[in-house]
Amino acid sequence: MGVADKMWDAITAVIKMNDKVERLSGTVKAQQDKIESLTERVVRLEAFVEVGLVAASRKRIDNKG
């Protein structure tokens, strides 16, 4: 195997690696978008639960008084 063949193999390997990195980057971006969406949903759920707890607490206080 000559020097040119070794260089060609190295260049080919770098190109393949670059393609894999680009695909991985896209996957990571998609996962990040999903995580952000789930975070927003959890925040909304927390707010809903908090409002429900406050309402239940007020109802308990009103029933005792």
PDB file of N, CA and C in Angstrom:
ATOM      1  N   MET A   1       0.853  -1.161   0.000  1.00  0.00           N
ATOM      2  CA  MET A   1       0.000   0.000   0.000  1.00  0.00           C
ATOM      3  C   MET A   1       0.904   1.229   0.000  1.00  0.00           C
ATOM      4  N   GLY A   2       0.673   2.086  -0.934  1.00  0.00           N
ATOM      5  CA  GLY A   2       1.512   3.262  -1.061  1.00  0.00           C
ATOM      6  C   GLY A   2       1.039   4.407  -0.188  1.00  0.00           C
ATOM      7  N   VAL A   3       1.825   5.454  -0.200  1.00  0.00           N
ATOM      8  CA  VAL A   3       1.517   6.633   0.589  1.00  0.00           C
ATOM      9  C   VAL A   3       0.191   7.249   0.128  1.00  0.00           C
ATOM     10  N   ALA A   4      -0.032   7.271  -1.168  1.00  0.00           N
ATOM     11  CA  ALA A   4      -1.273   7.850  -1.702  1.00  0.00           C
ATOM     12  C   ALA A   4      -2.493   7.071  -1.211  1.00  0.00           C
ATOM     13  N   ASP A   5      -2.369   5.738  -1.162  1.00  0.00           N
ATOM     14  CA  ASP A   5      -3.478   4.917  -0.673  1.00  0.00           C
ATOM     15  C   ASP A   5      -3.750   5.198   0.805  1.00  0.00           C
ATOM     16  N   LYS A   6      -2.687   5.332   1.576  1.00  0.00           N
ATOM     17  CA  LYS A   6      -2.856   5.615   3.007  1.00  0.00           C
ATOM     18  C   LYS A   6      -3.500   6.986   3.219  1.00  0.00           C
ATOM     19  N   MET A   7      -3.084   7.953   2.427  1.00  0.00           N
ATOM     20  CA  MET A   7      -3.667   9.287   2.534  1.00  0.00           C
ATOM     21  C   MET A   7      -5.145   9.254   2.138  1.00  0.00           C
ATOM     22  N   TRP A   8      -5.437   8.534   1.067  1.00  0.00           N
ATOM     23  CA  TRP A   8      -6.826   8.428   0.614  1.00  0.00           C
ATOM     24  C   TRP A   8      -7.692   7.775   1.692  1.00  0.00           C
ATOM     25  N   ASP A   9      -7.186   6.710   2.322  1.00  0.00           N
ATOM     26  CA  ASP A   9      -7.926   6.046   3.399  1.00  0.00           C
ATOM     27  C   ASP A   9      -8.148   6.991   4.582  1.00  0.00           C
ATOM     28  N   ALA A  10      -7.138   7.775   4.910  1.00  0.00           N
ATOM     29  CA  ALA A  10      -7.257   8.724   6.019  1.00  0.00           C
ATOM     30  C   ALA A  10      -8.298   9.797   5.699  1.00  0.00           C
ATOM     31  N   ILE A  11      -8.267  10.316   4.488  1.00  0.00           N
ATOM     32  CA  ILE A  11      -9.246  11.331   4.078  1.00  0.00           C
ATOM     33  C   ILE A  11     -10.653  10.753   4.088  1.00  0.00           C
ATOM     34  N   THR A  12     -10.786   9.538   3.603  1.00  0.00           N
ATOM     35  CA  THR A  12     -12.088   8.866   3.595  1.00  0.00           C
ATOM     36  C   THR A  12     -12.596   8.681   5.016  1.00  0.00           C
ATOM     37  N   ALA A  13     -11.711   8.283   5.918  1.00  0.00           N
ATOM     38  CA  ALA A  13     -12.101   8.087   7.318  1.00  0.00           C
ATOM     39  C   ALA A  13     -12.561   9.408   7.938  1.00  0.00           C
ATOM     40  N   VAL A  14     -11.872  10.498   7.640  1.00  0.00           N
ATOM     41  CA  VAL A  14     -12.251  11.803   8.179  1.00  0.00           C
ATOM     42  C   VAL A  14     -13.617  12.224   7.643  1.00  0.00           C
ATOM     43  N   ILE A  15     -13.859  12.000   6.375  1.00  0.00           N
ATOM     44  CA  ILE A  15     -15.156  12.360   5.780  1.00  0.00           C
ATOM     45  C   ILE A  15     -16.276  11.551   6.429  1.00  0.00           C
ATOM     46  N   LYS A  16     -16.052  10.263   6.635  1.00  0.00           N
ATOM     47  CA  LYS A  16     -17.065   9.427   7.278  1.00  0.00           C
ATOM     48  C   LYS A  16     -17.305   9.879   8.714  1.00  0.00           C
ATOM     49  N   MET A  17     -16.229  10.210   9.412  1.00  0.00           N
ATOM     50  CA  MET A  17     -16.352  10.675  10.778  1.00  0.00           C
ATOM     51  C   MET A  17     -17.132  11.989  10.837  1.00  0.00           C
ATOM     52  N   ASN A  18     -16.861  12.881   9.905  1.00  0.00           N
ATOM     53  CA  ASN A  18     -17.571  14.153   9.852  1.00  0.00           C
ATOM     54  C   ASN A  18     -19.065  13.928   9.640  1.00  0.00           C
ATOM     55  N   ASP A  19     -19.411  12.993   8.775  1.00  0.00           N
ATOM     56  CA  ASP A  19     -20.818  12.678   8.531  1.00  0.00           C
ATOM     57  C   ASP A  19     -21.480  12.161   9.802  1.00  0.00           C
ATOM     58  N   LYS A  20     -20.790  11.289  10.513  1.00  0.00           N
ATOM     59  CA  LYS A  20     -21.336  10.753  11.760  1.00  0.00           C
ATOM     60  C   LYS A  20     -21.513  11.857  12.800  1.00  0.00           C
ATOM     61  N   VAL A  21     -20.573  12.758  12.891  1.00  0.00           N
ATOM     62  CA  VAL A  21     -20.664  13.867  13.845  1.00  0.00           C
ATOM     63  C   VAL A  21     -21.852  14.758  13.492  1.00  0.00           C
ATOM     64  N   GLU A  22     -22.054  15.031  12.223  1.00  0.00           N
ATOM     65  CA  GLU A  22     -23.190  15.861  11.804  1.00  0.00           C
ATOM     66  C   GLU A  22     -24.519  15.189  12.124  1.00  0.00           C
ATOM     67  N   ARG A  23     -24.609  13.875  11.915  1.00  0.00           N
ATOM     68  CA  ARG A  23     -25.837  13.158  12.247  1.00  0.00           C
ATOM     69  C   ARG A  23     -26.070  13.161  13.758  1.00  0.00           C
ATOM     70  N   LEU A  24     -25.004  12.964  14.509  1.00  0.00           N
ATOM     71  CA  LEU A  24     -25.105  12.986  15.965  1.00  0.00           C
ATOM     72  C   LEU A  24     -25.547  14.363  16.451  1.00  0.00           C
ATOM     73  N   SER A  25     -25.036  15.403  15.832  1.00  0.00           N
ATOM     74  CA  SER A  25     -25.417  16.766  16.193  1.00  0.00           C
ATOM     75  C   SER A  25     -26.915  16.981  15.979  1.00  0.00           C
ATOM     76  N   GLY A  26     -27.429  16.481  14.891  1.00  0.00           N
ATOM     77  CA  GLY A  26     -28.863  16.579  14.626  1.00  0.00           C
ATOM     78  C   GLY A  26     -29.680  15.821  15.658  1.00  0.00           C
ATOM     79  N   THR A  27     -29.216  14.650  16.031  1.00  0.00           N
ATOM     80  CA  THR A  27     -29.901  13.848  17.049  1.00  0.00           C
ATOM     81  C   THR A  27     -29.895  14.564  18.391  1.00  0.00           C
ATOM     82  N   VAL A  28     -28.761  15.134  18.748  1.00  0.00           N
ATOM     83  CA  VAL A  28     -28.648  15.859  20.013  1.00  0.00           C
ATOM     84  C   VAL A  28     -29.591  17.052  20.017  1.00  0.00           C
ATOM     85  N   LYS A  29     -29.682  17.766  18.921  1.00  0.00           N
ATOM     86  CA  LYS A  29     -30.581  18.921  18.812  1.00  0.00           C
ATOM     87  C   LYS A  29     -32.034  18.488  19.002  1.00  0.00           C
ATOM     88  N   ALA A  30     -32.407  17.382  18.373  1.00  0.00           N
ATOM     89  CA  ALA A  30     -33.775  16.877  18.508  1.00  0.00           C
ATOM     90  C   ALA A  30     -34.065  16.480  19.951  1.00  0.00           C
ATOM     91  N   GLN A  31     -33.114  15.828  20.601  1.00  0.00           N
ATOM     92  CA  GLN A  31     -33.288  15.435  21.994  1.00  0.00           C
ATOM     93  C   GLN A  31     -33.401  16.665  22.897  1.00  0.00           C
ATOM     94  N   GLN A  32     -32.592  17.673  22.622  1.00  0.00           N
ATOM     95  CA  GLN A  32     -32.646  18.906  23.409  1.00  0.00           C
ATOM     96  C   GLN A  32     -34.013  19.565  23.279  1.00  0.00           C
ATOM     97  N   ASP A  33     -34.565  19.578  22.067  1.00  0.00           N
ATOM     98  CA  ASP A  33     -35.902  20.141  21.854  1.00  0.00           C
ATOM     99  C   ASP A  33     -36.951  19.377  22.663  1.00  0.00           C
ATOM    100  N   LYS A  34     -36.837  18.040  22.688  1.00  0.00           N
ATOM    101  CA  LYS A  34     -37.777  17.223  23.455  1.00  0.00           C
ATOM    102  C   LYS A  34     -37.653  17.514  24.951  1.00  0.00           C
ATOM    103  N   ILE A  35     -36.427  17.638  25.428  1.00  0.00           N
ATOM    104  CA  ILE A  35     -36.196  17.927  26.849  1.00  0.00           C
ATOM    105  C   ILE A  35     -36.799  19.270  27.219  1.00  0.00           C
ATOM    106  N   GLU A  36     -36.593  20.273  26.380  1.00  0.00           N
ATOM    107  CA  GLU A  36     -37.152  21.597  26.654  1.00  0.00           C
ATOM    108  C   GLU A  36     -38.674  21.555  26.672  1.00  0.00           C
ATOM    109  N   SER A  37     -39.260  20.797  25.779  1.00  0.00           N
ATOM    110  CA  SER A  37     -40.714  20.659  25.740  1.00  0.00           C
ATOM    111  C   SER A  37     -41.220  19.991  27.021  1.00  0.00           C
ATOM    112  N   LEU A  38     -40.528  18.942  27.444  1.00  0.00           N
ATOM    113  CA  LEU A  38     -40.931  18.256  28.674  1.00  0.00           C
ATOM    114  C   LEU A  38     -40.764  19.161  29.893  1.00  0.00           C
ATOM    115  N   THR A  39     -39.723  19.970  29.893  1.00  0.00           N
ATOM    116  CA  THR A  39     -39.509  20.898  31.000  1.00  0.00           C
ATOM    117  C   THR A  39     -40.665  21.882  31.087  1.00  0.00           C
ATOM    118  N   GLU A  40     -41.098  22.399  29.962  1.00  0.00           N
ATOM    119  CA  GLU A  40     -42.233  23.320  29.947  1.00  0.00           C
ATOM    120  C   GLU A  40     -43.493  22.636  30.485  1.00  0.00           C
ATOM    121  N   ARG A  41     -43.695  21.385  30.118  1.00  0.00           N
ATOM    122  CA  ARG A  41     -44.872  20.657  30.594  1.00  0.00           C
ATOM    123  C   ARG A  41     -44.808  20.440  32.100  1.00  0.00           C
ATOM    124  N   VAL A  42     -43.635  20.130  32.613  1.00  0.00           N
ATOM    125  CA  VAL A  42     -43.484  19.923  34.060  1.00  0.00           C
ATOM    126  C   VAL A  42     -43.762  21.220  34.816  1.00  0.00           C
ATOM    127  N   VAL A  43     -43.293  22.340  34.291  1.00  0.00           N
ATOM    128  CA  VAL A  43     -43.552  23.630  34.935  1.00  0.00           C
ATOM    129  C   VAL A  43     -45.057  23.896  34.989  1.00  0.00           C
ATOM    130  N   ARG A  44     -45.746  23.617  33.898  1.00  0.00           N
ATOM    131  CA  ARG A  44     -47.200  23.813  33.888  1.00  0.00           C
ATOM    132  C   ARG A  44     -47.885  22.897  34.902  1.00  0.00           C
ATOM    133  N   LEU A  45     -47.422  21.641  34.979  1.00  0.00           N
ATOM    134  CA  LEU A  45     -47.997  20.709  35.951  1.00  0.00           C
ATOM    135  C   LEU A  45     -47.755  21.178  37.386  1.00  0.00           C
ATOM    136  N   GLU A  46     -46.550  21.671  37.648  1.00  0.00           N
ATOM    137  CA  GLU A  46     -46.246  22.188  38.984  1.00  0.00           C
ATOM    138  C   GLU A  46     -47.171  23.341  39.347  1.00  0.00           C
ATOM    139  N   ALA A  47     -47.390  24.224  38.410  1.00  0.00           N
ATOM    140  CA  ALA A  47     -48.274  25.363  38.662  1.00  0.00           C
ATOM    141  C   ALA A  47     -49.701  24.877  38.925  1.00  0.00           C
ATOM    142  N   PHE A  48     -50.158  23.914  38.142  1.00  0.00           N
ATOM    143  CA  PHE A  48     -51.501  23.368  38.310  1.00  0.00           C
ATOM    144  C   PHE A  48     -51.652  22.721  39.681  1.00  0.00           C
ATOM    145  N   VAL A  49     -50.661  21.950  40.091  1.00  0.00           N
ATOM    146  CA  VAL A  49     -50.713  21.287  41.395  1.00  0.00           C
ATOM    147  C   VAL A  49     -50.704  22.323  42.513  1.00  0.00           C
ATOM    148  N   GLU A  50     -49.876  23.334  42.373  1.00  0.00           N
ATOM    149  CA  GLU A  50     -49.807  24.374  43.393  1.00  0.00           C
ATOM    150  C   GLU A  50     -51.146  25.099  43.535  1.00  0.00           C
ATOM    151  N   VAL A  51     -51.763  25.440  42.426  1.00  0.00           N
ATOM    152  CA  VAL A  51     -53.075  26.094  42.472  1.00  0.00           C
ATOM    153  C   VAL A  51     -54.093  25.157  43.131  1.00  0.00           C
ATOM    154  N   GLY A  52     -54.037  23.895  42.793  1.00  0.00           N
ATOM    155  CA  GLY A  52     -54.961  22.926  43.402  1.00  0.00           C
ATOM    156  C   GLY A  52     -54.746  22.802  44.897  1.00  0.00           C
ATOM    157  N   LEU A  53     -53.492  22.791  45.330  1.00  0.00           N
ATOM    158  CA  LEU A  53     -53.210  22.693  46.761  1.00  0.00           C
ATOM    159  C   LEU A  53     -53.680  23.937  47.513  1.00  0.00           C
ATOM    160  N   VAL A  54     -53.481  25.087  46.925  1.00  0.00           N
ATOM    161  CA  VAL A  54     -53.941  26.327  47.559  1.00  0.00           C
ATOM    162  C   VAL A  54     -55.468  26.315  47.657  1.00  0.00           C
ATOM    163  N   ALA A  55     -56.128  25.910  46.610  1.00  0.00           N
ATOM    164  CA  ALA A  55     -57.594  25.864  46.617  1.00  0.00           C
ATOM    165  C   ALA A  55     -58.088  24.865  47.658  1.00  0.00           C
ATOM    166  N   ALA A  56     -57.446  23.716  47.757  1.00  0.00           N
ATOM    167  CA  ALA A  56     -57.853  22.715  48.744  1.00  0.00           C
ATOM    168  C   ALA A  56     -57.614  23.225  50.155  1.00  0.00           C
ATOM    169  N   SER A  57     -56.518  23.923  50.352  1.00  0.00           N
ATOM    170  CA  SER A  57     -56.212  24.486  51.671  1.00  0.00           C
ATOM    171  C   SER A  57     -57.250  25.523  52.064  1.00  0.00           C
ATOM    172  N   ARG A  58     -57.628  26.382  51.138  1.00  0.00           N
ATOM    173  CA  ARG A  58     -58.643  27.404  51.420  1.00  0.00           C
ATOM    174  C   ARG A  58     -59.995  26.763  51.717  1.00  0.00           C
ATOM    175  N   LYS A  59     -60.300  25.702  50.992  1.00  0.00           N
ATOM    176  CA  LYS A  59     -61.575  25.020  51.198  1.00  0.00           C
ATOM    177  C   LYS A  59     -61.607  24.411  52.589  1.00  0.00           C
ATOM    178  N   ARG A  60     -60.486  23.831  53.024  1.00  0.00           N
ATOM    179  CA  ARG A  60     -60.406  23.249  54.366  1.00  0.00           C
ATOM    180  C   ARG A  60     -60.581  24.324  55.437  1.00  0.00           C
ATOM    181  N   ILE A  61     -59.935  25.461  55.225  1.00  0.00           N
ATOM    182  CA  ILE A  61     -60.024  26.579  56.187  1.00  0.00           C
ATOM    183  C   ILE A  61     -61.468  27.088  56.245  1.00  0.00           C
ATOM    184  N   ASP A  62     -62.097  27.228  55.073  1.00  0.00           N
ATOM    185  CA  ASP A  62     -63.485  27.713  55.025  1.00  0.00           C
ATOM    186  C   ASP A  62     -64.435  26.747  55.720  1.00  0.00           C
ATOM    187  N   ASN A  63     -64.197  25.452  55.591  1.00  0.00           N
ATOM    188  CA  ASN A  63     -65.079  24.446  56.212  1.00  0.00           C
ATOM    189  C   ASN A  63     -64.910  24.432  57.725  1.00  0.00           C
ATOM    190  N   LYS A  64     -63.731  24.758  58.232  1.00  0.00           N
ATOM    191  CA  LYS A  64     -63.513  24.782  59.686  1.00  0.00           C
ATOM    192  C   LYS A  64     -64.091  26.026  60.316  1.00  0.00           C
ATOM    193  N   GLY A  65     -64.055  27.137  59.568  1.00  0.00           N
ATOM    194  CA  GLY A  65     -64.473  28.419  60.140  1.00  0.00           C
ATOM    195  C   GLY A  65     -65.915  28.592  60.084  1.00  0.00           C
TER     196      GLY A  65
END
